[in-house]
Amino acid sequence: MKVEIGATVNLHFSLALADGSVVDSNFAGKPAACTIGDGNLPPAFEEVLLGLEAGDEIERRISPEHAFGAVNPANLQQFPAANFASLLRDELVPLAPGSVVMFKDPAGFDRPGVIRSIAEAEVEVDFNHPLAGREIVFRAAIVSVLAPGTSELKLE
């Protein structure tokens, strides 16, 4: 069975930066399962899986625009430093550049932001995906492929 839209794929994968730094990998653990075309994987990642079969392995470079997007300058926002007063005073885990802070978006959903800089009057927060603007090296090893509309049966 080849990977096609609607198929459930069990795979080992890794995401690395162009310099070889591994960002995420499950090669040392259990394979992940995904359904091709359900929106959980970026389309460019799904495209490189199409046509593969169990036992196949691939490694592809994916451009920033097709991986996690380009950096959007509108996603860099400044807030008054006073809004972060308690976090700035926290002695156990003080707010610093690189800290991830959860914010509520207008719909009330949690949205992470990365602190980019802290000045006396304002704090700059980056709401871009942490891998935005980065070329990604996607590696995958296909463990199994289930046809669209089928489910795996386990016999014990």
Protein backbone atom coordinates (compact mmCIF):
# COMPACT_ATOMS: atom_id res chain seq x y z
CA MET A 1 0.00 0.00 0.00
CA LYS A 2 1.37 3.40 -1.00
CA VAL A 3 0.89 6.59 1.00
CA GLU A 4 -2.06 8.52 -0.46
CA ILE A 5 -4.54 11.15 0.71
CA GLY A 6 -6.67 9.69 3.52
CA ALA A 7 -4.19 6.92 4.37
CA THR A 8 -3.03 6.45 7.95
CA VAL A 9 0.75 6.34 8.11
CA ASN A 10 2.84 5.06 11.00
CA LEU A 11 6.31 6.53 10.76
CA HIS A 12 9.47 7.52 12.50
CA PHE A 13 10.47 11.09 11.72
CA SER A 14 12.91 13.80 12.58
CA LEU A 15 12.96 17.53 12.02
CA ALA A 16 16.37 19.17 11.90
CA LEU A 17 17.73 22.59 11.03
CA ALA A 18 20.01 23.03 8.03
CA ASP A 19 23.04 22.88 10.37
CA GLY A 20 21.99 19.38 11.50
CA SER A 21 20.58 20.38 14.89
CA VAL A 22 17.69 18.00 15.60
CA VAL A 23 14.56 19.84 16.72
CA ASP A 24 12.26 16.83 17.12
CA SER A 25 12.57 13.10 16.53
CA ASN A 26 10.81 9.89 17.45
CA PHE A 27 13.37 7.50 15.93
CA ALA A 28 14.32 6.30 19.44
CA GLY A 29 10.68 5.67 20.41
CA LYS A 30 7.37 4.49 19.07
CA PRO A 31 6.30 5.53 15.57
CA ALA A 32 3.81 8.36 15.20
CA ALA A 33 0.52 7.89 13.35
CA CYS A 34 -0.93 10.52 11.05
CA THR A 35 -3.68 10.67 8.47
CA ILE A 36 -2.56 12.26 5.23
CA GLY A 37 -4.71 15.25 4.33
CA ASP A 38 -6.31 15.84 7.74
CA GLY A 39 -4.43 19.12 8.27
CA ASN A 40 -2.20 17.96 11.12
CA LEU A 41 0.96 18.02 8.99
CA PRO A 42 2.05 20.95 6.84
CA PRO A 43 1.23 20.14 3.19
CA ALA A 44 4.91 20.09 2.15
CA PHE A 45 5.63 17.33 4.69
CA GLU A 46 2.68 15.30 3.39
CA GLU A 47 3.76 15.80 -0.23
CA VAL A 48 7.13 14.14 0.31
CA LEU A 49 5.39 11.13 1.88
CA LEU A 50 2.97 10.55 -1.02
CA GLY A 51 3.77 7.39 -2.96
CA LEU A 52 6.04 5.90 -0.29
CA GLU A 53 5.48 2.40 1.11
CA ALA A 54 6.31 0.57 4.35
CA GLY A 55 10.09 0.26 4.59
CA ASP A 56 10.82 3.40 2.55
CA GLU A 57 12.97 6.18 4.03
CA ILE A 58 13.33 9.75 2.81
CA GLU A 59 15.20 12.92 3.69
CA ARG A 60 14.15 16.24 2.15
CA ARG A 61 14.98 19.88 2.70
CA ILE A 62 11.84 21.98 3.03
CA SER A 63 11.98 25.74 2.53
CA PRO A 64 10.79 28.05 5.32
CA GLU A 65 7.74 29.10 3.33
CA HIS A 66 6.63 25.48 2.94
CA ALA A 67 7.64 24.30 6.42
CA PHE A 68 6.55 26.65 9.22
CA GLY A 69 6.27 29.86 7.22
CA ALA A 70 8.34 32.96 6.83
CA VAL A 71 8.85 35.28 9.78
CA ASN A 72 5.93 37.72 9.86
CA PRO A 73 7.03 41.10 11.27
CA ALA A 74 3.43 41.76 12.36
CA ASN A 75 3.82 38.87 14.84
CA LEU A 76 6.50 40.82 16.74
CA GLN A 77 4.61 42.93 19.26
CA GLN A 78 5.57 45.34 22.02
CA PHE A 79 3.80 45.46 25.38
CA PRO A 80 4.26 47.79 28.34
CA ALA A 81 6.83 46.33 30.73
CA ALA A 82 4.36 47.01 33.57
CA ASN A 83 2.21 44.15 32.20
CA PHE A 84 5.05 41.78 33.09
CA ALA A 85 5.92 43.23 36.51
CA SER A 86 5.26 40.06 38.52
CA LEU A 87 7.16 37.89 36.01
CA LEU A 88 10.10 40.31 36.00
CA ARG A 89 10.27 40.15 39.82
CA ASP A 90 10.01 36.34 39.99
CA GLU A 91 13.23 35.13 41.65
CA LEU A 92 12.78 31.42 40.85
CA VAL A 93 12.14 31.77 37.10
CA PRO A 94 12.68 35.40 36.12
CA LEU A 95 11.45 36.57 32.74
CA ALA A 96 14.32 36.74 30.25
CA PRO A 97 14.82 36.79 26.48
CA GLY A 98 13.92 33.33 25.21
CA SER A 99 11.27 32.73 27.87
CA VAL A 100 7.96 31.37 26.58
CA VAL A 101 4.87 33.05 28.02
CA MET A 102 1.27 32.01 27.41
CA PHE A 103 -1.15 34.73 26.29
CA LYS A 104 -4.88 34.67 25.61
CA ASP A 105 -5.88 35.56 22.06
CA PRO A 106 -9.10 37.52 21.36
CA ALA A 107 -11.06 34.25 21.17
CA GLY A 108 -9.77 33.18 24.60
CA PHE A 109 -7.36 30.51 23.37
CA ASP A 110 -3.86 30.13 24.79
CA ARG A 111 -1.13 31.33 22.46
CA PRO A 112 2.59 31.07 23.25
CA GLY A 113 4.88 34.03 22.74
CA VAL A 114 8.67 34.11 23.00
CA ILE A 115 10.21 37.06 24.83
CA ARG A 116 12.67 38.69 22.41
CA SER A 117 13.80 41.70 24.42
CA ILE A 118 13.13 43.45 27.69
CA ALA A 119 13.59 47.19 28.05
CA GLU A 120 12.67 49.53 30.87
CA ALA A 121 9.41 50.62 29.22
CA GLU A 122 8.48 47.67 27.00
CA VAL A 123 8.80 43.97 26.34
CA GLU A 124 8.97 42.62 22.78
CA VAL A 125 7.15 39.32 22.20
CA ASP A 126 7.44 37.12 19.11
CA PHE A 127 4.27 35.21 18.19
CA ASN A 128 5.80 33.57 15.11
CA HIS A 129 6.20 29.79 15.15
CA PRO A 130 9.63 29.06 16.70
CA LEU A 131 10.73 27.44 13.42
CA ALA A 132 9.39 30.21 11.17
CA GLY A 133 11.97 31.39 8.67
CA ARG A 134 14.07 28.23 9.03
CA GLU A 135 14.80 25.60 6.40
CA ILE A 136 13.83 22.20 7.80
CA VAL A 137 15.42 18.84 7.01
CA PHE A 138 12.57 16.32 7.24
CA ARG A 139 13.53 12.68 7.56
CA ALA A 140 10.98 9.87 7.68
CA ALA A 141 10.95 6.07 7.79
CA ILE A 142 7.59 4.54 6.90
CA VAL A 143 6.62 1.70 9.25
CA SER A 144 3.15 0.93 7.87
CA VAL A 145 0.41 2.38 5.67
CA LEU A 146 -3.31 1.74 6.13
CA ALA A 147 -5.65 2.43 3.23
CA PRO A 148 -8.16 5.28 3.59
CA GLY A 149 -11.22 4.20 5.53
CA THR A 150 -9.62 1.15 7.14
CA SER A 151 -8.58 0.61 10.70
CA GLU A 152 -5.95 -1.67 12.09
CA LEU A 153 -7.11 -4.88 13.77
CA LYS A 154 -5.12 -6.32 16.61
CA LEU A 155 -5.51 -10.03 17.15
CA GLU A 156 -4.50 -11.31 20.55
